Every structure is written in C-alpha cells, then in structure tokens.
Amino acid sequence: NRTVKLDNSALEAFDSPNMHPIARMAINIKVHYDSIFRSDMVAAFTIHDNLCRDVGMLRIFPSMTIESVRAFLQPPTRGVILQTFGSGNMPTRRQDIIMALKVICK
C-alpha cells in the first residue's frame, strides 16, 4: 500500500515516494519497526465463510477468442478476476474483449 510502479521493465520497478520503506532486503533484511503501525485496538480474528462462489479467474492472453471470453462471462458468473500478461496490462488492441467486459459491468 506504500509503493507505486515506476517502470515495467527495470529490476527496481517499484518505489515508495511518500513513505520510508518498512524494510530493505539485501543479503540481510533490515526491518524499520518504528515505521510499522500497531493499533491499540485489536479485534478478534474472524473467518468469513459465506463467500460468493460465482467468481472466477479469467486468464487473458493475446490469441484467445472472444467466444471464450463471452462463454466465461455467462451466468452464474457474478465476479471476474482478470489475469493479464506481460507487465500486467490489458491488451488495448483487443477492443472486442474490452467491450465484452464493459457490457457486463453495467
């Protein structure tokens, strides 16, 4: 929650421009414990077991057909997690896929 992606091809692609890092990883790991927020109000641990089961992961890849995408988006699907390729971006040249996703978001 403190980082931003600065570069999609560099080895040091992420930075934390607004906050000091919580830790630095090298041969040894140096944790800056004073940077870690510790709430004085700790709620009891709970497990949420009443989750929607109609959510799936749709892996987007360059040669996939629009028919595959449309079939995946049919009921009972109520939620979609997109797994994209490359640097994690949606292919902008695939307007057919983008339109299919826009249609179901309405």
PDB file of N, CA and C in Angstrom:
ATOM      1  N   ASN A   1       0.803  -1.200   0.000  1.00  0.00           N
ATOM      2  CA  ASN A   1       0.000   0.000   0.000  1.00  0.00           C
ATOM      3  C   ASN A   1       0.843   1.260   0.000  1.00  0.00           C
ATOM      4  N   ARG A   2       2.175   1.123   0.059  1.00  0.00           N
ATOM      5  CA  ARG A   2       3.042   2.290   0.051  1.00  0.00           C
ATOM      6  C   ARG A   2       3.793   2.456  -1.253  1.00  0.00           C
ATOM      7  N   THR A   3       3.672   1.529  -2.158  1.00  0.00           N
ATOM      8  CA  THR A   3       4.518   1.554  -3.351  1.00  0.00           C
ATOM      9  C   THR A   3       3.739   1.932  -4.598  1.00  0.00           C
ATOM     10  N   VAL A   4       4.495   2.396  -5.589  1.00  0.00           N
ATOM     11  CA  VAL A   4       3.958   2.657  -6.918  1.00  0.00           C
ATOM     12  C   VAL A   4       4.899   2.012  -7.926  1.00  0.00           C
ATOM     13  N   LYS A   5       4.340   1.598  -9.028  1.00  0.00           N
ATOM     14  CA  LYS A   5       5.146   1.002 -10.081  1.00  0.00           C
ATOM     15  C   LYS A   5       5.675   2.125 -10.967  1.00  0.00           C
ATOM     16  N   LEU A   6       6.997   2.215 -11.069  1.00  0.00           N
ATOM     17  CA  LEU A   6       7.624   3.281 -11.843  1.00  0.00           C
ATOM     18  C   LEU A   6       8.067   2.829 -13.224  1.00  0.00           C
ATOM     19  N   ASP A   7       8.340   1.552 -13.371  1.00  0.00           N
ATOM     20  CA  ASP A   7       8.914   1.056 -14.618  1.00  0.00           C
ATOM     21  C   ASP A   7       8.426  -0.369 -14.843  1.00  0.00           C
ATOM     22  N   ASN A   8       8.093  -0.725 -16.077  1.00  0.00           N
ATOM     23  CA  ASN A   8       7.592  -2.073 -16.323  1.00  0.00           C
ATOM     24  C   ASN A   8       8.664  -3.030 -16.812  1.00  0.00           C
ATOM     25  N   SER A   9       9.929  -2.574 -16.894  1.00  0.00           N
ATOM     26  CA  SER A   9      10.970  -3.490 -17.340  1.00  0.00           C
ATOM     27  C   SER A   9      12.229  -3.461 -16.469  1.00  0.00           C
ATOM     28  N   ALA A  10      12.348  -2.502 -15.589  1.00  0.00           N
ATOM     29  CA  ALA A  10      13.537  -2.409 -14.742  1.00  0.00           C
ATOM     30  C   ALA A  10      13.462  -3.402 -13.590  1.00  0.00           C
ATOM     31  N   LEU A  11      14.607  -3.806 -13.084  1.00  0.00           N
ATOM     32  CA  LEU A  11      14.631  -4.705 -11.935  1.00  0.00           C
ATOM     33  C   LEU A  11      14.140  -4.010 -10.676  1.00  0.00           C
ATOM     34  N   GLU A  12      14.383  -2.718 -10.570  1.00  0.00           N
ATOM     35  CA  GLU A  12      13.872  -1.942  -9.442  1.00  0.00           C
ATOM     36  C   GLU A  12      12.689  -1.116  -9.934  1.00  0.00           C
ATOM     37  N   ALA A  13      11.587  -1.793 -10.197  1.00  0.00           N
ATOM     38  CA  ALA A  13      10.436  -1.150 -10.829  1.00  0.00           C
ATOM     39  C   ALA A  13       9.534  -0.428  -9.847  1.00  0.00           C
ATOM     40  N   PHE A  14       9.666  -0.685  -8.546  1.00  0.00           N
ATOM     41  CA  PHE A  14       8.768  -0.102  -7.558  1.00  0.00           C
ATOM     42  C   PHE A  14       9.508   0.862  -6.647  1.00  0.00           C
ATOM     43  N   ASP A  15       8.790   1.879  -6.170  1.00  0.00           N
ATOM     44  CA  ASP A  15       9.361   2.832  -5.224  1.00  0.00           C
ATOM     45  C   ASP A  15       8.285   3.229  -4.231  1.00  0.00           C
ATOM     46  N   SER A  16       8.724   3.785  -3.138  1.00  0.00           N
ATOM     47  CA  SER A  16       7.832   4.266  -2.087  1.00  0.00           C
ATOM     48  C   SER A  16       8.099   5.751  -1.888  1.00  0.00           C
ATOM     49  N   PRO A  17       7.590   6.618  -2.780  1.00  0.00           N
ATOM     50  CA  PRO A  17       7.975   8.023  -2.750  1.00  0.00           C
ATOM     51  C   PRO A  17       7.438   8.824  -1.561  1.00  0.00           C
ATOM     52  N   ASN A  18       6.350   8.393  -0.954  1.00  0.00           N
ATOM     53  CA  ASN A  18       5.735   9.174   0.114  1.00  0.00           C
ATOM     54  C   ASN A  18       6.035   8.671   1.518  1.00  0.00           C
ATOM     55  N   MET A  19       6.633   7.510   1.625  1.00  0.00           N
ATOM     56  CA  MET A  19       6.925   6.914   2.930  1.00  0.00           C
ATOM     57  C   MET A  19       8.272   6.216   2.864  1.00  0.00           C
ATOM     58  N   HIS A  20       8.944   6.152   4.005  1.00  0.00           N
ATOM     59  CA  HIS A  20      10.171   5.371   4.069  1.00  0.00           C
ATOM     60  C   HIS A  20       9.804   3.896   3.966  1.00  0.00           C
ATOM     61  N   PRO A  21      10.657   3.082   3.391  1.00  0.00           N
ATOM     62  CA  PRO A  21      10.358   1.645   3.294  1.00  0.00           C
ATOM     63  C   PRO A  21      10.221   1.007   4.672  1.00  0.00           C
ATOM     64  N   ILE A  22       9.351   0.025   4.772  1.00  0.00           N
ATOM     65  CA  ILE A  22       9.202  -0.729   6.015  1.00  0.00           C
ATOM     66  C   ILE A  22      10.413  -1.628   6.217  1.00  0.00           C
ATOM     67  N   ALA A  23      10.979  -2.094   5.108  1.00  0.00           N
ATOM     68  CA  ALA A  23      12.150  -2.968   5.200  1.00  0.00           C
ATOM     69  C   ALA A  23      12.998  -2.806   3.951  1.00  0.00           C
ATOM     70  N   ARG A  24      14.257  -3.159   4.078  1.00  0.00           N
ATOM     71  CA  ARG A  24      15.178  -3.213   2.949  1.00  0.00           C
ATOM     72  C   ARG A  24      15.714  -4.627   2.880  1.00  0.00           C
ATOM     73  N   MET A  25      15.608  -5.218   1.696  1.00  0.00           N
ATOM     74  CA  MET A  25      16.052  -6.595   1.524  1.00  0.00           C
ATOM     75  C   MET A  25      17.315  -6.631   0.698  1.00  0.00           C
ATOM     76  N   ALA A  26      18.345  -7.200   1.263  1.00  0.00           N
ATOM     77  CA  ALA A  26      19.606  -7.422   0.569  1.00  0.00           C
ATOM     78  C   ALA A  26      20.092  -8.788   1.034  1.00  0.00           C
ATOM     79  N   ILE A  27      21.385  -8.921   1.323  1.00  0.00           N
ATOM     80  CA  ILE A  27      21.857 -10.173   1.905  1.00  0.00           C
ATOM     81  C   ILE A  27      21.193 -10.372   3.257  1.00  0.00           C
ATOM     82  N   ASN A  28      21.090  -9.295   4.004  1.00  0.00           N
ATOM     83  CA  ASN A  28      20.359  -9.305   5.272  1.00  0.00           C
ATOM     84  C   ASN A  28      19.118  -8.440   5.110  1.00  0.00           C
ATOM     85  N   ILE A  29      18.086  -8.736   5.872  1.00  0.00           N
ATOM     86  CA  ILE A  29      16.857  -7.955   5.837  1.00  0.00           C
ATOM     87  C   ILE A  29      16.869  -7.002   7.020  1.00  0.00           C
ATOM     88  N   LYS A  30      16.703  -5.697   6.733  1.00  0.00           N
ATOM     89  CA  LYS A  30      16.654  -4.699   7.788  1.00  0.00           C
ATOM     90  C   LYS A  30      15.236  -4.161   7.858  1.00  0.00           C
ATOM     91  N   VAL A  31      14.560  -4.448   8.953  1.00  0.00           N
ATOM     92  CA  VAL A  31      13.185  -4.009   9.151  1.00  0.00           C
ATOM     93  C   VAL A  31      13.207  -2.737   9.987  1.00  0.00           C
ATOM     94  N   HIS A  32      12.474  -1.733   9.544  1.00  0.00           N
ATOM     95  CA  HIS A  32      12.325  -0.481  10.289  1.00  0.00           C
ATOM     96  C   HIS A  32      11.028  -0.577  11.104  1.00  0.00           C
ATOM     97  N   TYR A  33      11.144  -1.180  12.267  1.00  0.00           N
ATOM     98  CA  TYR A  33       9.969  -1.471  13.078  1.00  0.00           C
ATOM     99  C   TYR A  33       9.211  -0.221  13.494  1.00  0.00           C
ATOM    100  N   ASP A  34       9.901   0.909  13.616  1.00  0.00           N
ATOM    101  CA  ASP A  34       9.212   2.142  14.007  1.00  0.00           C
ATOM    102  C   ASP A  34       8.264   2.640  12.919  1.00  0.00           C
ATOM    103  N   SER A  35       8.389   2.133  11.686  1.00  0.00           N
ATOM    104  CA  SER A  35       7.505   2.519  10.588  1.00  0.00           C
ATOM    105  C   SER A  35       6.232   1.684  10.528  1.00  0.00           C
ATOM    106  N   ILE A  36       6.148   0.646  11.325  1.00  0.00           N
ATOM    107  CA  ILE A  36       5.005  -0.261  11.275  1.00  0.00           C
ATOM    108  C   ILE A  36       3.942   0.218  12.253  1.00  0.00           C
ATOM    109  N   PHE A  37       2.747   0.455  11.727  1.00  0.00           N
ATOM    110  CA  PHE A  37       1.628   0.897  12.563  1.00  0.00           C
ATOM    111  C   PHE A  37       1.130  -0.259  13.413  1.00  0.00           C
ATOM    112  N   ARG A  38       0.983  -0.016  14.678  1.00  0.00           N
ATOM    113  CA  ARG A  38       0.449  -1.021  15.592  1.00  0.00           C
ATOM    114  C   ARG A  38      -0.757  -0.411  16.307  1.00  0.00           C
ATOM    115  N   SER A  39      -1.911  -0.885  15.960  1.00  0.00           N
ATOM    116  CA  SER A  39      -3.142  -0.378  16.558  1.00  0.00           C
ATOM    117  C   SER A  39      -3.255  -0.840  18.008  1.00  0.00           C
ATOM    118  N   ASP A  40      -3.808   0.023  18.835  1.00  0.00           N
ATOM    119  CA  ASP A  40      -4.039  -0.374  20.225  1.00  0.00           C
ATOM    120  C   ASP A  40      -5.396  -1.054  20.382  1.00  0.00           C
ATOM    121  N   MET A  41      -6.144  -1.147  19.288  1.00  0.00           N
ATOM    122  CA  MET A  41      -7.433  -1.829  19.301  1.00  0.00           C
ATOM    123  C   MET A  41      -7.357  -3.013  18.347  1.00  0.00           C
ATOM    124  N   VAL A  42      -7.200  -4.187  18.890  1.00  0.00           N
ATOM    125  CA  VAL A  42      -7.080  -5.386  18.073  1.00  0.00           C
ATOM    126  C   VAL A  42      -8.380  -6.182  18.188  1.00  0.00           C
ATOM    127  N   ALA A  43      -9.019  -6.363  17.056  1.00  0.00           N
ATOM    128  CA  ALA A  43     -10.268  -7.122  17.034  1.00  0.00           C
ATOM    129  C   ALA A  43      -9.956  -8.614  17.015  1.00  0.00           C
ATOM    130  N   ALA A  44     -10.913  -9.380  17.447  1.00  0.00           N
ATOM    131  CA  ALA A  44     -10.759 -10.829  17.437  1.00  0.00           C
ATOM    132  C   ALA A  44     -10.676 -11.320  15.992  1.00  0.00           C
ATOM    133  N   PHE A  45      -9.891 -12.349  15.763  1.00  0.00           N
ATOM    134  CA  PHE A  45      -9.744 -12.940  14.436  1.00  0.00           C
ATOM    135  C   PHE A  45     -11.058 -13.587  14.024  1.00  0.00           C
ATOM    136  N   THR A  46     -11.478 -13.305  12.798  1.00  0.00           N
ATOM    137  CA  THR A  46     -12.709 -13.910  12.281  1.00  0.00           C
ATOM    138  C   THR A  46     -12.449 -14.496  10.897  1.00  0.00           C
ATOM    139  N   ILE A  47     -13.216 -15.490  10.556  1.00  0.00           N
ATOM    140  CA  ILE A  47     -13.144 -16.112   9.237  1.00  0.00           C
ATOM    141  C   ILE A  47     -14.466 -15.867   8.537  1.00  0.00           C
ATOM    142  N   HIS A  48     -14.381 -15.390   7.308  1.00  0.00           N
ATOM    143  CA  HIS A  48     -15.585 -15.178   6.501  1.00  0.00           C
ATOM    144  C   HIS A  48     -15.791 -16.428   5.653  1.00  0.00           C
ATOM    145  N   ASP A  49     -16.838 -17.172   5.936  1.00  0.00           N
ATOM    146  CA  ASP A  49     -17.061 -18.421   5.208  1.00  0.00           C
ATOM    147  C   ASP A  49     -18.305 -18.377   4.325  1.00  0.00           C
ATOM    148  N   ASN A  50     -18.950 -17.228   4.250  1.00  0.00           N
ATOM    149  CA  ASN A  50     -20.138 -17.089   3.422  1.00  0.00           C
ATOM    150  C   ASN A  50     -19.784 -16.248   2.191  1.00  0.00           C
ATOM    151  N   LEU A  51     -18.897 -16.762   1.365  1.00  0.00           N
ATOM    152  CA  LEU A  51     -18.411 -16.039   0.202  1.00  0.00           C
ATOM    153  C   LEU A  51     -19.140 -16.468  -1.062  1.00  0.00           C
ATOM    154  N   CYS A  52     -19.209 -15.568  -2.019  1.00  0.00           N
ATOM    155  CA  CYS A  52     -19.832 -15.883  -3.300  1.00  0.00           C
ATOM    156  C   CYS A  52     -18.947 -16.866  -4.055  1.00  0.00           C
ATOM    157  N   ARG A  53     -19.523 -17.966  -4.496  1.00  0.00           N
ATOM    158  CA  ARG A  53     -18.770 -18.986  -5.227  1.00  0.00           C
ATOM    159  C   ARG A  53     -18.805 -18.771  -6.735  1.00  0.00           C
ATOM    160  N   ASP A  54     -19.541 -17.752  -7.174  1.00  0.00           N
ATOM    161  CA  ASP A  54     -19.678 -17.487  -8.606  1.00  0.00           C
ATOM    162  C   ASP A  54     -18.673 -16.444  -9.091  1.00  0.00           C
ATOM    163  N   VAL A  55     -17.452 -16.540  -8.596  1.00  0.00           N
ATOM    164  CA  VAL A  55     -16.352 -15.664  -9.002  1.00  0.00           C
ATOM    165  C   VAL A  55     -15.272 -16.547  -9.599  1.00  0.00           C
ATOM    166  N   GLY A  56     -14.739 -16.143 -10.737  1.00  0.00           N
ATOM    167  CA  GLY A  56     -13.713 -16.947 -11.384  1.00  0.00           C
ATOM    168  C   GLY A  56     -12.573 -16.104 -11.905  1.00  0.00           C
ATOM    169  N   MET A  57     -11.478 -16.767 -12.221  1.00  0.00           N
ATOM    170  CA  MET A  57     -10.308 -16.085 -12.773  1.00  0.00           C
ATOM    171  C   MET A  57     -10.255 -16.310 -14.280  1.00  0.00           C
ATOM    172  N   LEU A  58     -10.221 -15.216 -15.019  1.00  0.00           N
ATOM    173  CA  LEU A  58     -10.152 -15.264 -16.471  1.00  0.00           C
ATOM    174  C   LEU A  58      -8.749 -14.873 -16.892  1.00  0.00           C
ATOM    175  N   ARG A  59      -8.026 -15.822 -17.445  1.00  0.00           N
ATOM    176  CA  ARG A  59      -6.659 -15.561 -17.910  1.00  0.00           C
ATOM    177  C   ARG A  59      -6.734 -15.006 -19.326  1.00  0.00           C
ATOM    178  N   ILE A  60      -6.296 -13.761 -19.477  1.00  0.00           N
ATOM    179  CA  ILE A  60      -6.302 -13.093 -20.781  1.00  0.00           C
ATOM    180  C   ILE A  60      -4.961 -13.350 -21.466  1.00  0.00           C
ATOM    181  N   PHE A  61      -5.005 -13.791 -22.719  1.00  0.00           N
ATOM    182  CA  PHE A  61      -3.782 -13.973 -23.492  1.00  0.00           C
ATOM    183  C   PHE A  61      -4.063 -13.529 -24.930  1.00  0.00           C
ATOM    184  N   PRO A  62      -3.021 -13.144 -25.667  1.00  0.00           N
ATOM    185  CA  PRO A  62      -3.210 -12.480 -26.965  1.00  0.00           C
ATOM    186  C   PRO A  62      -4.063 -13.230 -27.978  1.00  0.00           C
ATOM    187  N   SER A  63      -3.966 -14.536 -28.056  1.00  0.00           N
ATOM    188  CA  SER A  63      -4.666 -15.253 -29.125  1.00  0.00           C
ATOM    189  C   SER A  63      -6.015 -15.832 -28.709  1.00  0.00           C
ATOM    190  N   MET A  64      -6.513 -15.477 -27.544  1.00  0.00           N
ATOM    191  CA  MET A  64      -7.787 -16.061 -27.113  1.00  0.00           C
ATOM    192  C   MET A  64      -8.944 -15.527 -27.954  1.00  0.00           C
ATOM    193  N   THR A  65      -9.977 -16.326 -28.059  1.00  0.00           N
ATOM    194  CA  THR A  65     -11.133 -15.933 -28.870  1.00  0.00           C
ATOM    195  C   THR A  65     -12.129 -15.166 -28.019  1.00  0.00           C
ATOM    196  N   ILE A  66     -12.861 -14.300 -28.674  1.00  0.00           N
ATOM    197  CA  ILE A  66     -13.911 -13.556 -27.966  1.00  0.00           C
ATOM    198  C   ILE A  66     -15.015 -14.499 -27.510  1.00  0.00           C
ATOM    199  N   GLU A  67     -15.212 -15.593 -28.237  1.00  0.00           N
ATOM    200  CA  GLU A  67     -16.222 -16.583 -27.835  1.00  0.00           C
ATOM    201  C   GLU A  67     -15.869 -17.198 -26.479  1.00  0.00           C
ATOM    202  N   SER A  68     -14.595 -17.449 -26.246  1.00  0.00           N
ATOM    203  CA  SER A  68     -14.166 -17.988 -24.946  1.00  0.00           C
ATOM    204  C   SER A  68     -14.452 -17.001 -23.828  1.00  0.00           C
ATOM    205  N   VAL A  69     -14.181 -15.737 -24.097  1.00  0.00           N
ATOM    206  CA  VAL A  69     -14.430 -14.709 -23.083  1.00  0.00           C
ATOM    207  C   VAL A  69     -15.920 -14.607 -22.794  1.00  0.00           C
ATOM    208  N   ARG A  70     -16.720 -14.533 -23.826  1.00  0.00           N
ATOM    209  CA  ARG A  70     -18.179 -14.412 -23.643  1.00  0.00           C
ATOM    210  C   ARG A  70     -18.755 -15.635 -22.917  1.00  0.00           C
ATOM    211  N   ALA A  71     -18.250 -16.819 -23.231  1.00  0.00           N
ATOM    212  CA  ALA A  71     -18.720 -18.035 -22.557  1.00  0.00           C
ATOM    213  C   ALA A  71     -18.390 -17.987 -21.066  1.00  0.00           C
ATOM    214  N   PHE A  72     -17.204 -17.515 -20.734  1.00  0.00           N
ATOM    215  CA  PHE A  72     -16.799 -17.418 -19.335  1.00  0.00           C
ATOM    216  C   PHE A  72     -17.680 -16.435 -18.573  1.00  0.00           C
ATOM    217  N   LEU A  73     -18.111 -15.376 -19.234  1.00  0.00           N
ATOM    218  CA  LEU A  73     -18.863 -14.312 -18.570  1.00  0.00           C
ATOM    219  C   LEU A  73     -20.352 -14.613 -18.409  1.00  0.00           C
ATOM    220  N   GLN A  74     -20.803 -15.738 -18.902  1.00  0.00           N
ATOM    221  CA  GLN A  74     -22.222 -16.098 -18.805  1.00  0.00           C
ATOM    222  C   GLN A  74     -22.589 -16.456 -17.362  1.00  0.00           C
ATOM    223  N   PRO A  75     -23.881 -16.295 -17.005  1.00  0.00           N
ATOM    224  CA  PRO A  75     -24.328 -16.716 -15.674  1.00  0.00           C
ATOM    225  C   PRO A  75     -24.003 -18.179 -15.457  1.00  0.00           C
ATOM    226  N   PRO A  76     -23.689 -18.531 -14.238  1.00  0.00           N
ATOM    227  CA  PRO A  76     -23.894 -17.809 -12.989  1.00  0.00           C
ATOM    228  C   PRO A  76     -22.736 -16.899 -12.582  1.00  0.00           C
ATOM    229  N   THR A  77     -21.781 -16.598 -13.474  1.00  0.00           N
ATOM    230  CA  THR A  77     -20.641 -15.760 -13.109  1.00  0.00           C
ATOM    231  C   THR A  77     -21.115 -14.398 -12.608  1.00  0.00           C
ATOM    232  N   ARG A  78     -20.655 -14.037 -11.400  1.00  0.00           N
ATOM    233  CA  ARG A  78     -21.015 -12.752 -10.803  1.00  0.00           C
ATOM    234  C   ARG A  78     -19.799 -11.869 -10.550  1.00  0.00           C
ATOM    235  N   GLY A  79     -18.621 -12.438 -10.676  1.00  0.00           N
ATOM    236  CA  GLY A  79     -17.392 -11.681 -10.466  1.00  0.00           C
ATOM    237  C   GLY A  79     -16.257 -12.295 -11.252  1.00  0.00           C
ATOM    238  N   VAL A  80     -15.325 -11.454 -11.701  1.00  0.00           N
ATOM    239  CA  VAL A  80     -14.213 -11.916 -12.524  1.00  0.00           C
ATOM    240  C   VAL A  80     -12.912 -11.304 -12.010  1.00  0.00           C
ATOM    241  N   ILE A  81     -11.911 -12.135 -11.862  1.00  0.00           N
ATOM    242  CA  ILE A  81     -10.556 -11.681 -11.586  1.00  0.00           C
ATOM    243  C   ILE A  81      -9.798 -11.842 -12.891  1.00  0.00           C
ATOM    244  N   LEU A  82      -9.240 -10.752 -13.395  1.00  0.00           N
ATOM    245  CA  LEU A  82      -8.516 -10.807 -14.658  1.00  0.00           C
ATOM    246  C   LEU A  82      -7.045 -11.097 -14.401  1.00  0.00           C
ATOM    247  N   GLN A  83      -6.540 -12.125 -15.047  1.00  0.00           N
ATOM    248  CA  GLN A  83      -5.107 -12.412 -15.013  1.00  0.00           C
ATOM    249  C   GLN A  83      -4.582 -12.045 -16.389  1.00  0.00           C
ATOM    250  N   THR A  84      -3.798 -10.977 -16.459  1.00  0.00           N
ATOM    251  CA  THR A  84      -3.330 -10.484 -17.741  1.00  0.00           C
ATOM    252  C   THR A  84      -1.877 -10.884 -17.966  1.00  0.00           C
ATOM    253  N   PHE A  85      -1.314 -10.493 -19.075  1.00  0.00           N
ATOM    254  CA  PHE A  85       0.015 -10.960 -19.459  1.00  0.00           C
ATOM    255  C   PHE A  85       0.992  -9.804 -19.537  1.00  0.00           C
ATOM    256  N   GLY A  86       2.248 -10.119 -19.782  1.00  0.00           N
ATOM    257  CA  GLY A  86       3.268  -9.093 -19.917  1.00  0.00           C
ATOM    258  C   GLY A  86       3.481  -8.361 -18.608  1.00  0.00           C
ATOM    259  N   SER A  87       3.367  -7.052 -18.650  1.00  0.00           N
ATOM    260  CA  SER A  87       3.571  -6.254 -17.441  1.00  0.00           C
ATOM    261  C   SER A  87       2.286  -6.139 -16.629  1.00  0.00           C
ATOM    262  N   GLY A  88       1.289  -6.936 -16.960  1.00  0.00           N
ATOM    263  CA  GLY A  88       0.046  -6.939 -16.202  1.00  0.00           C
ATOM    264  C   GLY A  88      -1.020  -6.027 -16.761  1.00  0.00           C
ATOM    265  N   ASN A  89      -0.897  -5.678 -18.014  1.00  0.00           N
ATOM    266  CA  ASN A  89      -1.846  -4.764 -18.636  1.00  0.00           C
ATOM    267  C   ASN A  89      -2.817  -5.511 -19.538  1.00  0.00           C
ATOM    268  N   MET A  90      -3.970  -4.930 -19.713  1.00  0.00           N
ATOM    269  CA  MET A  90      -4.968  -5.468 -20.635  1.00  0.00           C
ATOM    270  C   MET A  90      -4.561  -5.076 -22.055  1.00  0.00           C
ATOM    271  N   PRO A  91      -4.669  -5.985 -23.031  1.00  0.00           N
ATOM    272  CA  PRO A  91      -4.277  -5.633 -24.401  1.00  0.00           C
ATOM    273  C   PRO A  91      -5.248  -4.620 -25.008  1.00  0.00           C
ATOM    274  N   THR A  92      -4.781  -3.405 -25.274  1.00  0.00           N
ATOM    275  CA  THR A  92      -5.666  -2.347 -25.769  1.00  0.00           C
ATOM    276  C   THR A  92      -6.128  -2.587 -27.200  1.00  0.00           C
ATOM    277  N   ARG A  93      -5.419  -3.430 -27.938  1.00  0.00           N
ATOM    278  CA  ARG A  93      -5.833  -3.727 -29.316  1.00  0.00           C
ATOM    279  C   ARG A  93      -6.998  -4.699 -29.364  1.00  0.00           C
ATOM    280  N   ARG A  94      -7.301  -5.346 -28.257  1.00  0.00           N
ATOM    281  CA  ARG A  94      -8.420  -6.300 -28.220  1.00  0.00           C
ATOM    282  C   ARG A  94      -9.690  -5.601 -27.738  1.00  0.00           C
ATOM    283  N   GLN A  95     -10.184  -4.699 -28.562  1.00  0.00           N
ATOM    284  CA  GLN A  95     -11.389  -3.950 -28.216  1.00  0.00           C
ATOM    285  C   GLN A  95     -12.598  -4.864 -28.028  1.00  0.00           C
ATOM    286  N   ASP A  96     -12.608  -6.028 -28.681  1.00  0.00           N
ATOM    287  CA  ASP A  96     -13.719  -6.962 -28.513  1.00  0.00           C
ATOM    288  C   ASP A  96     -13.790  -7.465 -27.066  1.00  0.00           C
ATOM    289  N   ILE A  97     -12.637  -7.773 -26.479  1.00  0.00           N
ATOM    290  CA  ILE A  97     -12.615  -8.231 -25.084  1.00  0.00           C
ATOM    291  C   ILE A  97     -12.975  -7.086 -24.144  1.00  0.00           C
ATOM    292  N   ILE A  98     -12.431  -5.913 -24.410  1.00  0.00           N
ATOM    293  CA  ILE A  98     -12.723  -4.751 -23.569  1.00  0.00           C
ATOM    294  C   ILE A  98     -14.210  -4.435 -23.599  1.00  0.00           C
ATOM    295  N   MET A  99     -14.822  -4.488 -24.767  1.00  0.00           N
ATOM    296  CA  MET A  99     -16.268  -4.220 -24.874  1.00  0.00           C
ATOM    297  C   MET A  99     -17.081  -5.281 -24.141  1.00  0.00           C
ATOM    298  N   ALA A 100     -16.687  -6.547 -24.232  1.00  0.00           N
ATOM    299  CA  ALA A 100     -17.417  -7.599 -23.533  1.00  0.00           C
ATOM    300  C   ALA A 100     -17.366  -7.380 -22.034  1.00  0.00           C
ATOM    301  N   LEU A 101     -16.221  -6.942 -21.528  1.00  0.00           N
ATOM    302  CA  LEU A 101     -16.098  -6.663 -20.101  1.00  0.00           C
ATOM    303  C   LEU A 101     -16.915  -5.428 -19.707  1.00  0.00           C
ATOM    304  N   LYS A 102     -16.931  -4.420 -20.548  1.00  0.00           N
ATOM    305  CA  LYS A 102     -17.734  -3.213 -20.264  1.00  0.00           C
ATOM    306  C   LYS A 102     -19.213  -3.549 -20.199  1.00  0.00           C
ATOM    307  N   VAL A 103     -19.662  -4.424 -21.093  1.00  0.00           N
ATOM    308  CA  VAL A 103     -21.084  -4.795 -21.123  1.00  0.00           C
ATOM    309  C   VAL A 103     -21.513  -5.430 -19.811  1.00  0.00           C
ATOM    310  N   ILE A 104     -20.679  -6.323 -19.250  1.00  0.00           N
ATOM    311  CA  ILE A 104     -21.089  -6.993 -18.013  1.00  0.00           C
ATOM    312  C   ILE A 104     -20.938  -6.117 -16.782  1.00  0.00           C
ATOM    313  N   CYS A 105     -20.198  -5.021 -16.901  1.00  0.00           N
ATOM    314  CA  CYS A 105     -20.009  -4.117 -15.758  1.00  0.00           C
ATOM    315  C   CYS A 105     -21.181  -3.161 -15.579  1.00  0.00           C
ATOM    316  N   LYS A 106     -22.100  -3.149 -16.469  1.00  0.00           N
ATOM    317  CA  LYS A 106     -23.242  -2.224 -16.370  1.00  0.00           C
ATOM    318  C   LYS A 106     -24.334  -2.776 -15.518  1.00  0.00           C
TER     319      LYS A 106
END
